[in-house]
N, C-alpha and C. Protein backbone atom coordinates (compact mmCIF):
# COMPACT_ATOMS: atom_id res chain seq x y z
N MET A 1 -6.54 1.96 -29.18
CA MET A 1 -7.81 2.31 -28.55
C MET A 1 -7.54 2.81 -27.15
N PRO A 2 -8.10 3.98 -26.76
CA PRO A 2 -7.86 4.54 -25.44
C PRO A 2 -8.28 3.57 -24.33
N PHE A 3 -7.52 3.59 -23.24
CA PHE A 3 -7.83 2.73 -22.10
C PHE A 3 -9.04 3.31 -21.36
N ALA A 4 -10.09 2.53 -21.26
CA ALA A 4 -11.33 3.01 -20.65
C ALA A 4 -11.87 1.94 -19.69
N PRO A 5 -11.38 1.94 -18.44
CA PRO A 5 -11.86 0.95 -17.48
C PRO A 5 -13.31 1.23 -17.08
N PRO A 6 -14.01 0.24 -16.57
CA PRO A 6 -15.38 0.47 -16.12
C PRO A 6 -15.40 1.40 -14.91
N GLU A 7 -16.57 1.95 -14.60
CA GLU A 7 -16.65 2.87 -13.46
C GLU A 7 -16.30 2.20 -12.14
N PRO A 8 -16.85 1.02 -11.83
CA PRO A 8 -16.35 0.31 -10.65
C PRO A 8 -14.98 -0.28 -10.99
N PHE A 9 -13.92 0.21 -10.37
CA PHE A 9 -12.57 -0.18 -10.80
C PHE A 9 -11.62 -0.03 -9.62
N ASN A 10 -10.86 -1.08 -9.35
CA ASN A 10 -9.90 -1.09 -8.25
C ASN A 10 -8.60 -1.69 -8.79
N ILE A 11 -7.50 -0.97 -8.65
CA ILE A 11 -6.26 -1.46 -9.27
C ILE A 11 -5.66 -2.66 -8.53
N ALA A 12 -6.09 -2.95 -7.32
CA ALA A 12 -5.68 -4.22 -6.71
C ALA A 12 -6.28 -5.38 -7.49
N ASN A 13 -7.48 -5.19 -7.95
CA ASN A 13 -8.13 -6.20 -8.78
C ASN A 13 -7.46 -6.27 -10.16
N TYR A 14 -7.17 -5.11 -10.74
CA TYR A 14 -6.60 -5.02 -12.08
C TYR A 14 -5.19 -5.58 -12.15
N PHE A 15 -4.34 -5.24 -11.16
CA PHE A 15 -2.94 -5.66 -11.20
C PHE A 15 -2.72 -7.05 -10.61
N LEU A 16 -3.48 -7.41 -9.59
CA LEU A 16 -3.18 -8.63 -8.85
C LEU A 16 -4.24 -9.72 -9.03
N ASP A 17 -5.47 -9.43 -8.66
CA ASP A 17 -6.49 -10.49 -8.65
C ASP A 17 -6.79 -11.03 -10.04
N ASP A 18 -6.68 -10.16 -11.04
CA ASP A 18 -6.90 -10.64 -12.41
C ASP A 18 -5.89 -11.72 -12.81
N ARG A 19 -4.67 -11.66 -12.25
CA ARG A 19 -3.66 -12.68 -12.56
C ARG A 19 -4.11 -14.05 -12.02
N ILE A 20 -4.77 -14.04 -10.89
CA ILE A 20 -5.27 -15.30 -10.32
C ILE A 20 -6.38 -15.86 -11.19
N ARG A 21 -7.29 -14.99 -11.61
CA ARG A 21 -8.40 -15.44 -12.46
C ARG A 21 -7.91 -15.94 -13.81
N GLU A 22 -6.76 -15.43 -14.26
CA GLU A 22 -6.19 -15.90 -15.52
C GLU A 22 -5.51 -17.27 -15.37
N GLY A 23 -5.43 -17.76 -14.15
CA GLY A 23 -4.80 -19.05 -13.92
C GLY A 23 -3.32 -18.99 -13.63
N ASN A 24 -2.82 -17.78 -13.26
CA ASN A 24 -1.39 -17.61 -13.02
C ASN A 24 -1.03 -17.57 -11.54
N GLY A 25 -1.93 -18.05 -10.69
CA GLY A 25 -1.69 -17.97 -9.25
C GLY A 25 -0.43 -18.67 -8.79
N ALA A 26 -0.01 -19.72 -9.48
CA ALA A 26 1.18 -20.48 -9.08
C ALA A 26 2.46 -19.95 -9.71
N LYS A 27 2.36 -18.95 -10.57
CA LYS A 27 3.56 -18.40 -11.22
C LYS A 27 4.26 -17.40 -10.32
N THR A 28 5.57 -17.29 -10.50
CA THR A 28 6.37 -16.39 -9.67
C THR A 28 6.00 -14.94 -9.95
N ALA A 29 5.75 -14.20 -8.87
CA ALA A 29 5.44 -12.77 -8.98
C ALA A 29 6.58 -11.91 -8.46
N LEU A 30 7.19 -12.33 -7.35
CA LEU A 30 8.24 -11.53 -6.72
C LEU A 30 9.43 -12.40 -6.36
N ILE A 31 10.63 -11.87 -6.59
CA ILE A 31 11.86 -12.49 -6.10
C ILE A 31 12.60 -11.43 -5.30
N CYS A 32 12.84 -11.72 -4.03
CA CYS A 32 13.49 -10.75 -3.15
C CYS A 32 14.50 -11.50 -2.29
N GLY A 33 15.77 -11.41 -2.65
CA GLY A 33 16.78 -12.18 -1.92
C GLY A 33 16.51 -13.66 -2.07
N ASP A 34 16.39 -14.35 -0.95
CA ASP A 34 16.11 -15.78 -0.99
C ASP A 34 14.62 -16.08 -0.88
N ARG A 35 13.79 -15.04 -0.98
CA ARG A 35 12.34 -15.23 -0.91
C ARG A 35 11.72 -15.14 -2.30
N THR A 36 10.85 -16.09 -2.61
CA THR A 36 10.12 -16.09 -3.87
C THR A 36 8.64 -16.26 -3.57
N LEU A 37 7.83 -15.36 -4.08
CA LEU A 37 6.38 -15.42 -3.85
C LEU A 37 5.66 -15.55 -5.18
N THR A 38 4.67 -16.43 -5.21
CA THR A 38 3.80 -16.54 -6.37
C THR A 38 2.73 -15.46 -6.32
N TYR A 39 1.99 -15.31 -7.42
CA TYR A 39 0.87 -14.37 -7.43
C TYR A 39 -0.14 -14.74 -6.36
N GLY A 40 -0.38 -16.04 -6.19
CA GLY A 40 -1.33 -16.47 -5.17
C GLY A 40 -0.87 -16.11 -3.77
N GLN A 41 0.43 -16.22 -3.50
CA GLN A 41 0.96 -15.87 -2.19
C GLN A 41 0.92 -14.36 -1.96
N VAL A 42 1.17 -13.58 -3.00
CA VAL A 42 1.06 -12.13 -2.87
C VAL A 42 -0.39 -11.75 -2.57
N GLN A 43 -1.33 -12.39 -3.25
CA GLN A 43 -2.74 -12.10 -3.00
C GLN A 43 -3.12 -12.44 -1.56
N ALA A 44 -2.67 -13.60 -1.07
CA ALA A 44 -2.97 -13.99 0.31
C ALA A 44 -2.38 -12.99 1.29
N LEU A 45 -1.14 -12.54 1.03
CA LEU A 45 -0.49 -11.55 1.89
C LEU A 45 -1.26 -10.24 1.87
N ALA A 46 -1.67 -9.80 0.68
CA ALA A 46 -2.43 -8.57 0.55
C ALA A 46 -3.77 -8.66 1.28
N ASN A 47 -4.43 -9.79 1.17
CA ASN A 47 -5.71 -9.96 1.84
C ASN A 47 -5.55 -9.93 3.35
N ARG A 48 -4.46 -10.52 3.84
CA ARG A 48 -4.20 -10.45 5.28
C ARG A 48 -3.96 -9.00 5.72
N PHE A 49 -3.15 -8.27 4.94
CA PHE A 49 -2.92 -6.86 5.26
C PHE A 49 -4.25 -6.10 5.29
N GLY A 50 -5.07 -6.32 4.27
CA GLY A 50 -6.35 -5.62 4.21
C GLY A 50 -7.23 -5.94 5.41
N ASN A 51 -7.29 -7.20 5.80
CA ASN A 51 -8.12 -7.58 6.94
C ASN A 51 -7.57 -7.04 8.25
N VAL A 52 -6.25 -7.03 8.40
CA VAL A 52 -5.65 -6.43 9.59
C VAL A 52 -5.99 -4.95 9.66
N LEU A 53 -5.89 -4.25 8.55
CA LEU A 53 -6.20 -2.82 8.53
C LEU A 53 -7.67 -2.56 8.85
N LYS A 54 -8.55 -3.37 8.32
CA LYS A 54 -9.97 -3.21 8.63
C LYS A 54 -10.22 -3.45 10.11
N ASN A 55 -9.53 -4.42 10.68
CA ASN A 55 -9.67 -4.69 12.12
C ASN A 55 -9.15 -3.53 12.97
N LEU A 56 -8.22 -2.74 12.40
CA LEU A 56 -7.71 -1.56 13.10
C LEU A 56 -8.58 -0.34 12.89
N GLY A 57 -9.66 -0.51 12.14
CA GLY A 57 -10.61 0.58 11.96
C GLY A 57 -10.44 1.40 10.71
N VAL A 58 -9.55 0.99 9.80
CA VAL A 58 -9.36 1.74 8.55
C VAL A 58 -10.61 1.64 7.68
N GLU A 59 -11.03 2.77 7.14
CA GLU A 59 -12.22 2.84 6.30
C GLU A 59 -11.86 3.36 4.91
N PRO A 60 -12.73 3.13 3.92
CA PRO A 60 -12.48 3.62 2.57
C PRO A 60 -12.21 5.13 2.56
N GLU A 61 -11.28 5.52 1.70
CA GLU A 61 -10.88 6.90 1.44
C GLU A 61 -9.94 7.47 2.50
N GLN A 62 -9.75 6.78 3.62
CA GLN A 62 -8.75 7.23 4.58
C GLN A 62 -7.35 6.91 4.06
N ARG A 63 -6.38 7.70 4.49
CA ARG A 63 -5.01 7.48 4.05
C ARG A 63 -4.30 6.50 4.98
N VAL A 64 -3.52 5.61 4.39
CA VAL A 64 -2.66 4.68 5.13
C VAL A 64 -1.25 4.80 4.57
N MET A 65 -0.31 5.05 5.45
CA MET A 65 1.08 5.28 5.03
C MET A 65 1.85 3.96 4.94
N ILE A 66 2.65 3.83 3.88
CA ILE A 66 3.62 2.74 3.77
C ILE A 66 5.02 3.35 3.87
N ALA A 67 5.77 2.87 4.86
CA ALA A 67 7.16 3.29 5.01
C ALA A 67 8.00 2.04 5.21
N LEU A 68 8.12 1.27 4.13
CA LEU A 68 8.81 -0.01 4.19
C LEU A 68 9.94 -0.05 3.17
N PRO A 69 11.00 -0.82 3.46
CA PRO A 69 12.02 -1.08 2.43
C PRO A 69 11.45 -2.00 1.36
N ASP A 70 12.27 -2.29 0.36
CA ASP A 70 11.82 -3.13 -0.76
C ASP A 70 11.75 -4.59 -0.34
N LEU A 71 10.60 -4.97 0.19
CA LEU A 71 10.33 -6.32 0.64
C LEU A 71 8.99 -6.78 0.06
N PRO A 72 8.74 -8.08 0.03
CA PRO A 72 7.41 -8.54 -0.41
C PRO A 72 6.28 -7.92 0.39
N GLU A 73 6.55 -7.60 1.65
CA GLU A 73 5.50 -6.98 2.48
C GLU A 73 5.09 -5.61 1.94
N PHE A 74 6.00 -4.94 1.22
CA PHE A 74 5.60 -3.66 0.62
C PHE A 74 4.46 -3.88 -0.38
N ALA A 75 4.63 -4.89 -1.25
CA ALA A 75 3.57 -5.19 -2.22
C ALA A 75 2.30 -5.64 -1.52
N GLY A 76 2.45 -6.48 -0.49
CA GLY A 76 1.27 -6.93 0.24
C GLY A 76 0.54 -5.78 0.89
N ALA A 77 1.28 -4.86 1.50
CA ALA A 77 0.66 -3.71 2.15
C ALA A 77 -0.03 -2.81 1.13
N LEU A 78 0.65 -2.54 0.02
CA LEU A 78 0.08 -1.66 -1.00
C LEU A 78 -1.25 -2.21 -1.52
N PHE A 79 -1.25 -3.46 -1.94
CA PHE A 79 -2.49 -4.03 -2.45
C PHE A 79 -3.53 -4.20 -1.36
N GLY A 80 -3.09 -4.49 -0.13
CA GLY A 80 -4.03 -4.62 0.97
C GLY A 80 -4.76 -3.33 1.26
N ILE A 81 -4.03 -2.22 1.22
CA ILE A 81 -4.66 -0.91 1.42
C ILE A 81 -5.69 -0.65 0.33
N LEU A 82 -5.28 -0.87 -0.92
CA LEU A 82 -6.18 -0.63 -2.05
C LEU A 82 -7.43 -1.50 -1.98
N LYS A 83 -7.27 -2.73 -1.51
CA LYS A 83 -8.40 -3.64 -1.43
C LYS A 83 -9.46 -3.15 -0.44
N THR A 84 -9.04 -2.42 0.59
CA THR A 84 -10.01 -1.90 1.56
C THR A 84 -10.70 -0.63 1.07
N GLY A 85 -10.22 -0.08 -0.04
CA GLY A 85 -10.76 1.18 -0.53
C GLY A 85 -10.07 2.39 0.07
N ALA A 86 -9.06 2.14 0.92
CA ALA A 86 -8.28 3.24 1.47
C ALA A 86 -7.25 3.71 0.44
N VAL A 87 -6.49 4.74 0.80
CA VAL A 87 -5.57 5.39 -0.13
C VAL A 87 -4.14 5.20 0.36
N VAL A 88 -3.26 4.78 -0.53
CA VAL A 88 -1.86 4.54 -0.21
C VAL A 88 -1.09 5.86 -0.16
N VAL A 89 -0.33 6.06 0.91
CA VAL A 89 0.60 7.18 1.00
C VAL A 89 2.00 6.59 1.10
N MET A 90 2.83 6.81 0.08
CA MET A 90 4.18 6.26 0.06
C MET A 90 5.18 7.28 0.58
N VAL A 91 5.97 6.88 1.60
CA VAL A 91 7.05 7.75 2.07
C VAL A 91 8.33 6.93 2.25
N ASN A 92 9.43 7.62 2.26
CA ASN A 92 10.75 7.01 2.45
C ASN A 92 10.87 6.49 3.88
N PRO A 93 11.22 5.22 4.09
CA PRO A 93 11.34 4.71 5.45
C PRO A 93 12.52 5.28 6.23
N GLN A 94 13.42 6.00 5.54
CA GLN A 94 14.60 6.56 6.20
C GLN A 94 14.43 8.03 6.59
N LEU A 95 13.21 8.53 6.59
CA LEU A 95 12.98 9.93 6.95
C LEU A 95 13.33 10.20 8.41
N LYS A 96 13.64 11.46 8.70
CA LYS A 96 13.89 11.90 10.07
C LYS A 96 12.55 12.19 10.76
N PRO A 97 12.52 12.16 12.09
CA PRO A 97 11.25 12.36 12.80
C PRO A 97 10.51 13.63 12.42
N GLU A 98 11.22 14.73 12.24
CA GLU A 98 10.53 15.98 11.90
C GLU A 98 9.91 15.91 10.50
N GLU A 99 10.54 15.17 9.59
CA GLU A 99 9.98 15.00 8.26
C GLU A 99 8.75 14.08 8.31
N ILE A 100 8.84 13.04 9.12
CA ILE A 100 7.70 12.13 9.28
C ILE A 100 6.52 12.87 9.88
N ALA A 101 6.80 13.72 10.88
CA ALA A 101 5.72 14.48 11.52
C ALA A 101 4.99 15.35 10.50
N TYR A 102 5.74 15.93 9.57
CA TYR A 102 5.10 16.73 8.52
C TYR A 102 4.14 15.89 7.70
N PHE A 103 4.57 14.69 7.29
CA PHE A 103 3.71 13.83 6.48
C PHE A 103 2.51 13.31 7.28
N PHE A 104 2.70 13.03 8.56
CA PHE A 104 1.56 12.62 9.39
C PHE A 104 0.48 13.71 9.39
N GLU A 105 0.90 14.95 9.56
CA GLU A 105 -0.06 16.05 9.62
C GLU A 105 -0.65 16.34 8.24
N TYR A 106 0.19 16.38 7.23
CA TYR A 106 -0.24 16.74 5.88
C TYR A 106 -1.23 15.72 5.32
N THR A 107 -0.96 14.45 5.54
CA THR A 107 -1.79 13.40 4.92
C THR A 107 -2.96 12.95 5.79
N ARG A 108 -2.91 13.29 7.09
CA ARG A 108 -3.92 12.81 8.04
C ARG A 108 -4.02 11.29 8.03
N THR A 109 -2.89 10.67 7.91
CA THR A 109 -2.80 9.22 7.93
C THR A 109 -3.40 8.65 9.21
N ARG A 110 -4.21 7.59 9.06
CA ARG A 110 -4.80 6.93 10.23
C ARG A 110 -3.90 5.81 10.76
N VAL A 111 -3.29 5.06 9.85
CA VAL A 111 -2.38 3.97 10.22
C VAL A 111 -1.12 4.10 9.37
N ALA A 112 0.03 3.90 9.98
CA ALA A 112 1.30 3.89 9.25
C ALA A 112 1.91 2.50 9.37
N ILE A 113 2.27 1.92 8.24
CA ILE A 113 2.90 0.60 8.20
C ILE A 113 4.40 0.82 8.09
N VAL A 114 5.12 0.43 9.13
CA VAL A 114 6.55 0.75 9.22
C VAL A 114 7.34 -0.52 9.51
N HIS A 115 8.61 -0.50 9.15
CA HIS A 115 9.49 -1.63 9.45
C HIS A 115 10.09 -1.44 10.84
N ALA A 116 10.33 -2.55 11.51
CA ALA A 116 10.87 -2.49 12.87
C ALA A 116 12.18 -1.72 12.93
N GLU A 117 12.98 -1.78 11.85
CA GLU A 117 14.28 -1.11 11.85
C GLU A 117 14.16 0.42 11.88
N SER A 118 13.05 0.96 11.40
CA SER A 118 12.86 2.41 11.40
C SER A 118 11.77 2.85 12.36
N LEU A 119 11.36 1.95 13.24
CA LEU A 119 10.25 2.25 14.14
C LEU A 119 10.54 3.43 15.05
N GLN A 120 11.75 3.54 15.54
CA GLN A 120 12.07 4.58 16.52
C GLN A 120 11.73 5.98 16.00
N ALA A 121 12.11 6.27 14.76
CA ALA A 121 11.84 7.60 14.20
C ALA A 121 10.35 7.84 14.04
N PHE A 122 9.63 6.83 13.59
CA PHE A 122 8.18 6.99 13.40
C PHE A 122 7.46 7.07 14.74
N GLU A 123 7.96 6.36 15.72
CA GLU A 123 7.40 6.41 17.07
C GLU A 123 7.55 7.81 17.66
N GLU A 124 8.72 8.40 17.46
CA GLU A 124 8.96 9.76 17.95
C GLU A 124 8.03 10.76 17.26
N ALA A 125 7.89 10.63 15.95
CA ALA A 125 7.04 11.55 15.20
C ALA A 125 5.56 11.38 15.56
N ALA A 126 5.18 10.18 16.00
CA ALA A 126 3.78 9.89 16.30
C ALA A 126 3.30 10.54 17.59
N LYS A 127 4.23 10.97 18.44
CA LYS A 127 3.84 11.50 19.76
C LYS A 127 2.86 12.66 19.66
N ASP A 128 3.05 13.53 18.68
CA ASP A 128 2.19 14.70 18.54
C ASP A 128 1.29 14.63 17.30
N ALA A 129 1.15 13.44 16.72
CA ALA A 129 0.33 13.30 15.51
C ALA A 129 -1.16 13.32 15.88
N ARG A 130 -1.89 14.25 15.29
CA ARG A 130 -3.31 14.43 15.65
C ARG A 130 -4.21 13.36 15.06
N TRP A 131 -3.84 12.86 13.88
CA TRP A 131 -4.75 12.00 13.14
C TRP A 131 -4.38 10.52 13.22
N LEU A 132 -3.12 10.25 13.50
CA LEU A 132 -2.64 8.86 13.51
C LEU A 132 -3.24 8.08 14.66
N LYS A 133 -3.73 6.87 14.34
CA LYS A 133 -4.31 6.00 15.36
C LYS A 133 -3.38 4.86 15.75
N LYS A 134 -2.68 4.27 14.76
CA LYS A 134 -1.87 3.10 15.03
C LYS A 134 -0.61 3.09 14.17
N LEU A 135 0.46 2.48 14.73
CA LEU A 135 1.62 2.08 13.95
C LEU A 135 1.55 0.57 13.80
N LEU A 136 1.58 0.09 12.56
CA LEU A 136 1.56 -1.34 12.26
C LEU A 136 2.98 -1.73 11.87
N VAL A 137 3.60 -2.57 12.67
CA VAL A 137 5.04 -2.84 12.54
C VAL A 137 5.27 -4.17 11.84
N VAL A 138 6.17 -4.14 10.86
CA VAL A 138 6.53 -5.32 10.07
C VAL A 138 7.99 -5.69 10.34
N GLY A 139 8.27 -6.98 10.45
CA GLY A 139 9.66 -7.43 10.40
C GLY A 139 10.44 -7.42 11.69
N GLY A 140 9.76 -7.35 12.84
CA GLY A 140 10.50 -7.37 14.09
C GLY A 140 9.63 -6.94 15.26
N PRO A 141 10.24 -6.76 16.44
CA PRO A 141 9.47 -6.39 17.63
C PRO A 141 8.69 -5.09 17.44
N ALA A 142 7.44 -5.10 17.89
CA ALA A 142 6.57 -3.93 17.72
C ALA A 142 6.46 -3.10 18.98
N GLY A 143 7.00 -3.60 20.10
CA GLY A 143 6.88 -2.86 21.35
C GLY A 143 5.42 -2.68 21.71
N PRO A 144 5.00 -1.45 22.07
CA PRO A 144 3.60 -1.21 22.43
C PRO A 144 2.66 -1.08 21.23
N HIS A 145 3.21 -1.19 20.02
CA HIS A 145 2.42 -0.99 18.82
C HIS A 145 1.90 -2.32 18.28
N VAL A 146 1.30 -2.30 17.12
CA VAL A 146 0.67 -3.50 16.56
C VAL A 146 1.66 -4.25 15.68
N SER A 147 1.82 -5.54 15.94
CA SER A 147 2.69 -6.37 15.13
C SER A 147 1.89 -6.98 13.99
N PHE A 148 2.34 -6.72 12.74
CA PHE A 148 1.63 -7.32 11.61
C PHE A 148 1.73 -8.84 11.66
N GLU A 149 2.91 -9.36 11.97
CA GLU A 149 3.09 -10.81 11.97
C GLU A 149 2.14 -11.48 12.97
N THR A 150 1.94 -10.85 14.12
CA THR A 150 1.02 -11.41 15.11
C THR A 150 -0.42 -11.35 14.63
N GLU A 151 -0.81 -10.19 14.12
CA GLU A 151 -2.20 -10.02 13.68
C GLU A 151 -2.49 -10.84 12.43
N ALA A 152 -1.48 -11.01 11.57
CA ALA A 152 -1.70 -11.74 10.31
C ALA A 152 -2.04 -13.20 10.56
N LYS A 153 -1.56 -13.76 11.68
CA LYS A 153 -1.86 -15.15 12.00
C LYS A 153 -3.36 -15.35 12.24
N LYS A 154 -4.04 -14.28 12.64
CA LYS A 154 -5.47 -14.36 12.93
C LYS A 154 -6.33 -13.85 11.77
N ALA A 155 -5.68 -13.31 10.74
CA ALA A 155 -6.40 -12.66 9.65
C ALA A 155 -6.70 -13.64 8.52
N SER A 156 -7.83 -13.48 7.90
CA SER A 156 -8.24 -14.34 6.79
C SER A 156 -7.43 -14.03 5.54
N GLU A 157 -7.25 -15.06 4.71
CA GLU A 157 -6.63 -14.87 3.40
C GLU A 157 -7.67 -14.51 2.34
N GLN A 158 -8.90 -14.34 2.74
CA GLN A 158 -9.98 -13.97 1.82
C GLN A 158 -10.43 -12.54 2.11
N LEU A 159 -10.61 -11.76 1.07
CA LEU A 159 -11.05 -10.37 1.24
C LEU A 159 -11.72 -9.90 -0.04
N GLU A 160 -12.94 -9.41 0.08
CA GLU A 160 -13.64 -8.83 -1.07
C GLU A 160 -13.19 -7.39 -1.26
N ASN A 161 -12.79 -7.06 -2.47
CA ASN A 161 -12.31 -5.71 -2.73
C ASN A 161 -13.42 -4.68 -2.58
N ALA A 162 -13.05 -3.52 -2.04
CA ALA A 162 -14.00 -2.42 -1.93
C ALA A 162 -14.40 -1.97 -3.33
N PRO A 163 -15.66 -1.58 -3.51
CA PRO A 163 -16.14 -1.18 -4.84
C PRO A 163 -15.75 0.27 -5.17
N THR A 164 -14.44 0.50 -5.32
CA THR A 164 -13.98 1.85 -5.62
C THR A 164 -14.36 2.27 -7.04
N HIS A 165 -14.45 3.57 -7.24
CA HIS A 165 -14.72 4.15 -8.56
C HIS A 165 -13.39 4.39 -9.26
N ARG A 166 -13.39 4.35 -10.57
CA ARG A 166 -12.15 4.53 -11.33
C ARG A 166 -11.50 5.89 -11.06
N ASP A 167 -12.29 6.88 -10.64
CA ASP A 167 -11.75 8.21 -10.38
C ASP A 167 -11.51 8.48 -8.90
N ASP A 168 -11.65 7.47 -8.06
CA ASP A 168 -11.31 7.61 -6.65
C ASP A 168 -9.80 7.70 -6.48
N PRO A 169 -9.34 8.45 -5.49
CA PRO A 169 -7.91 8.46 -5.20
C PRO A 169 -7.42 7.06 -4.83
N ALA A 170 -6.24 6.69 -5.34
CA ALA A 170 -5.66 5.39 -5.04
C ALA A 170 -4.32 5.52 -4.32
N ILE A 171 -3.46 6.38 -4.83
CA ILE A 171 -2.09 6.50 -4.30
C ILE A 171 -1.67 7.97 -4.27
N TRP A 172 -1.11 8.38 -3.14
CA TRP A 172 -0.49 9.71 -3.04
C TRP A 172 1.02 9.54 -3.23
N LEU A 173 1.55 10.12 -4.31
CA LEU A 173 2.98 10.24 -4.50
C LEU A 173 3.38 11.68 -4.13
N PHE A 174 4.66 11.95 -4.02
CA PHE A 174 5.07 13.26 -3.54
C PHE A 174 6.11 13.91 -4.44
N SER A 175 6.00 15.24 -4.55
CA SER A 175 6.99 16.02 -5.27
C SER A 175 8.30 15.99 -4.49
N GLY A 176 9.37 16.42 -5.14
CA GLY A 176 10.68 16.37 -4.51
C GLY A 176 10.90 17.42 -3.44
N GLY A 177 10.01 18.39 -3.33
CA GLY A 177 10.17 19.42 -2.32
C GLY A 177 11.23 20.46 -2.65
N THR A 178 11.54 20.62 -3.94
CA THR A 178 12.59 21.57 -4.32
C THR A 178 12.13 23.03 -4.18
N THR A 179 10.83 23.26 -4.15
CA THR A 179 10.30 24.63 -3.99
C THR A 179 9.55 24.76 -2.67
N GLY A 180 9.96 24.00 -1.68
CA GLY A 180 9.27 24.00 -0.39
C GLY A 180 9.07 22.57 0.07
N LYS A 181 8.16 22.37 0.98
CA LYS A 181 7.91 21.01 1.47
C LYS A 181 7.23 20.18 0.39
N PRO A 182 7.45 18.85 0.40
CA PRO A 182 6.82 17.99 -0.61
C PRO A 182 5.31 18.12 -0.62
N LYS A 183 4.73 18.08 -1.80
CA LYS A 183 3.28 18.16 -1.97
C LYS A 183 2.79 16.89 -2.64
N ALA A 184 1.56 16.53 -2.32
CA ALA A 184 1.00 15.28 -2.84
C ALA A 184 0.61 15.41 -4.30
N VAL A 185 0.88 14.37 -5.07
CA VAL A 185 0.38 14.21 -6.42
C VAL A 185 -0.56 13.00 -6.36
N VAL A 186 -1.85 13.26 -6.43
CA VAL A 186 -2.84 12.21 -6.20
C VAL A 186 -3.12 11.44 -7.48
N GLN A 187 -2.92 10.13 -7.42
CA GLN A 187 -3.16 9.25 -8.56
C GLN A 187 -4.47 8.50 -8.33
N THR A 188 -5.35 8.57 -9.30
CA THR A 188 -6.60 7.80 -9.21
C THR A 188 -6.35 6.36 -9.65
N HIS A 189 -7.34 5.50 -9.39
CA HIS A 189 -7.23 4.11 -9.85
C HIS A 189 -7.07 4.06 -11.37
N ARG A 190 -7.86 4.86 -12.09
CA ARG A 190 -7.78 4.87 -13.55
C ARG A 190 -6.41 5.39 -14.03
N ALA A 191 -5.91 6.46 -13.42
CA ALA A 191 -4.67 7.07 -13.87
C ALA A 191 -3.49 6.12 -13.71
N PHE A 192 -3.44 5.41 -12.59
CA PHE A 192 -2.32 4.50 -12.36
C PHE A 192 -2.35 3.35 -13.36
N ALA A 193 -3.55 2.83 -13.63
CA ALA A 193 -3.66 1.75 -14.61
C ALA A 193 -3.36 2.25 -16.03
N TYR A 194 -3.77 3.47 -16.32
CA TYR A 194 -3.53 4.04 -17.66
C TYR A 194 -2.04 4.10 -17.97
N THR A 195 -1.22 4.45 -16.96
CA THR A 195 0.22 4.50 -17.16
C THR A 195 0.76 3.14 -17.59
N THR A 196 0.24 2.09 -16.97
CA THR A 196 0.67 0.73 -17.33
C THR A 196 0.26 0.39 -18.74
N GLU A 197 -0.98 0.68 -19.08
CA GLU A 197 -1.49 0.34 -20.41
C GLU A 197 -0.78 1.12 -21.50
N SER A 198 -0.58 2.42 -21.28
CA SER A 198 -0.04 3.27 -22.36
C SER A 198 1.47 3.21 -22.44
N TYR A 199 2.15 3.14 -21.29
CA TYR A 199 3.62 3.18 -21.33
C TYR A 199 4.23 1.78 -21.19
N ALA A 200 3.92 1.07 -20.11
CA ALA A 200 4.55 -0.25 -19.90
C ALA A 200 4.17 -1.23 -21.01
N ASN A 201 2.89 -1.33 -21.30
CA ASN A 201 2.45 -2.26 -22.33
C ASN A 201 2.58 -1.67 -23.73
N GLY A 202 2.12 -0.42 -23.89
CA GLY A 202 2.10 0.19 -25.23
C GLY A 202 3.45 0.58 -25.75
N ALA A 203 4.24 1.33 -24.93
CA ALA A 203 5.52 1.85 -25.40
C ALA A 203 6.67 0.85 -25.20
N LEU A 204 6.73 0.24 -24.02
CA LEU A 204 7.84 -0.66 -23.73
C LEU A 204 7.58 -2.09 -24.15
N GLY A 205 6.32 -2.44 -24.31
CA GLY A 205 5.97 -3.78 -24.74
C GLY A 205 6.15 -4.84 -23.67
N TYR A 206 5.86 -4.48 -22.43
CA TYR A 206 5.96 -5.47 -21.33
C TYR A 206 5.10 -6.69 -21.64
N ARG A 207 5.66 -7.85 -21.38
CA ARG A 207 4.92 -9.10 -21.55
C ARG A 207 5.28 -10.04 -20.41
N ALA A 208 4.54 -11.13 -20.32
CA ALA A 208 4.84 -12.12 -19.27
C ALA A 208 6.27 -12.63 -19.44
């Protein structure tokens, strides 16, 4: 049977919050080095990210960039952005300043979530960024920018998901740039979930 989500549909709810409602909040969701997070802890982290972003002025449909290495904070940031109704823009955290500047202009990102280790390049690219309002720094000193760890201490672990439509943009992925500069491939909430239902669950048979 074709996957047909309801019109009000948010993939943060579909991928993450539904696991809590199923009673799996205490089960392991992520293992990263010596860190292990349950579904409940990922949800709390995502809600803090969402509340921090809202406090920074992020509104539904605005783009928020993630430029993080493979850490639990990547998942928290991704779901936190989606929970606010904003749109995730994924970029490589190892980009050079001129490449970052292109993505800042192309995506009109309002906030970029970056790791302290790559802050210098993003800080340099931000100098002439017309649309960028804030750099939200994870994992170390933020300098004059916003520290997620500091703001997260004041942020609630509770957040009501934005009532996004199934056809609203959810995530911007990018082409490889082999025929010019990278171009966005916009994934809707429905499209991203459909891939999971048809390929991960249907073809590969993913299970708990």
